[in-house]
């Protein structure tokens, strides 16, 4: 049987929240149709088979820009 899995979580960087069987996670993910891994922030429905819910993906460049923006935001707070 062929592997129909569209993604593989390479590394869980952080679980940001966990409520009622739904987690919001920051992961390094390898998608079947992409050459490189990508950073991914999204909700997951946990159970026998983890189900991907809404989220966003970030390239390394986008993640660095977000990090800089968050650092600037929290420096001013």
Protein backbone atom coordinates (compact mmCIF):
# COMPACT_ATOMS: atom_id res chain seq x y z
CA UNK A 1 0.00 0.00 0.00
CA UNK A 2 1.35 3.43 -0.94
CA UNK A 3 2.05 6.04 1.71
CA UNK A 4 -0.79 8.55 1.30
CA UNK A 5 0.38 10.76 4.16
CA UNK A 6 0.65 14.35 2.92
CA UNK A 7 2.85 15.55 5.77
CA UNK A 8 5.28 14.39 8.42
CA UNK A 9 5.94 16.28 11.66
CA UNK A 10 9.73 16.31 11.80
CA UNK A 11 9.96 18.11 15.15
CA UNK A 12 7.48 19.49 17.66
CA UNK A 13 9.02 22.81 18.66
CA UNK A 14 6.29 23.79 21.14
CA UNK A 15 2.72 23.03 22.14
CA UNK A 16 1.15 26.44 22.62
CA UNK A 17 -2.20 25.28 24.04
CA UNK A 18 -4.14 22.11 24.80
CA UNK A 19 -7.89 22.19 25.37
CA UNK A 20 -10.67 19.64 24.83
CA UNK A 21 -8.53 17.34 22.68
CA UNK A 22 -7.37 20.19 20.40
CA UNK A 23 -3.78 21.36 20.55
CA UNK A 24 -2.18 24.40 18.97
CA UNK A 25 1.35 23.44 17.97
CA UNK A 26 4.46 25.00 16.50
CA UNK A 27 6.11 22.30 14.39
CA UNK A 28 8.74 21.72 11.75
CA UNK A 29 6.83 19.88 9.03
CA UNK A 30 7.78 18.12 5.81
CA UNK A 31 4.96 18.25 3.27
CA UNK A 32 4.90 15.61 0.56
CA UNK A 33 4.83 18.16 -2.28
CA UNK A 34 7.54 20.50 -0.87
CA UNK A 35 11.28 19.97 -1.17
CA UNK A 36 12.20 21.55 2.17
CA UNK A 37 10.73 21.46 5.65
CA UNK A 38 8.60 24.41 6.72
CA UNK A 39 7.57 25.95 10.04
CA UNK A 40 3.92 25.38 10.84
CA UNK A 41 1.61 26.84 13.49
CA UNK A 42 -1.81 25.20 13.59
CA UNK A 43 -4.48 23.45 15.58
CA UNK A 44 -4.59 19.66 15.66
CA UNK A 45 -7.44 17.39 16.70
CA UNK A 46 -5.81 14.63 18.71
CA UNK A 47 -7.03 11.08 18.72
CA UNK A 48 -6.14 7.77 17.10
CA UNK A 49 -5.22 9.65 13.92
CA UNK A 50 -4.04 13.23 14.40
CA UNK A 51 -6.19 15.56 12.25
CA UNK A 52 -4.79 18.78 10.79
CA UNK A 53 -6.99 21.85 11.32
CA UNK A 54 -6.55 25.52 10.34
CA UNK A 55 -3.13 27.08 10.61
CA UNK A 56 -0.32 28.88 8.85
CA UNK A 57 3.04 27.91 7.43
CA UNK A 58 6.14 30.09 7.52
CA UNK A 59 9.35 30.00 5.53
CA UNK A 60 12.57 30.58 7.45
CA UNK A 61 12.63 34.18 6.19
CA UNK A 62 9.03 34.80 7.29
CA UNK A 63 9.71 33.25 10.70
CA UNK A 64 12.75 35.49 11.22
CA UNK A 65 10.70 38.57 10.32
CA UNK A 66 7.97 37.46 12.73
CA UNK A 67 10.58 36.90 15.45
CA UNK A 68 11.99 40.40 14.89
CA UNK A 69 8.48 41.91 14.97
CA UNK A 70 7.61 40.06 18.21
CA UNK A 71 10.90 41.10 19.82
CA UNK A 72 10.19 44.72 18.90
CA UNK A 73 6.58 44.47 20.12
CA UNK A 74 7.54 43.02 23.50
CA UNK A 75 10.43 45.44 23.93
CA UNK A 76 7.91 48.31 23.71
CA UNK A 77 5.33 46.64 25.98
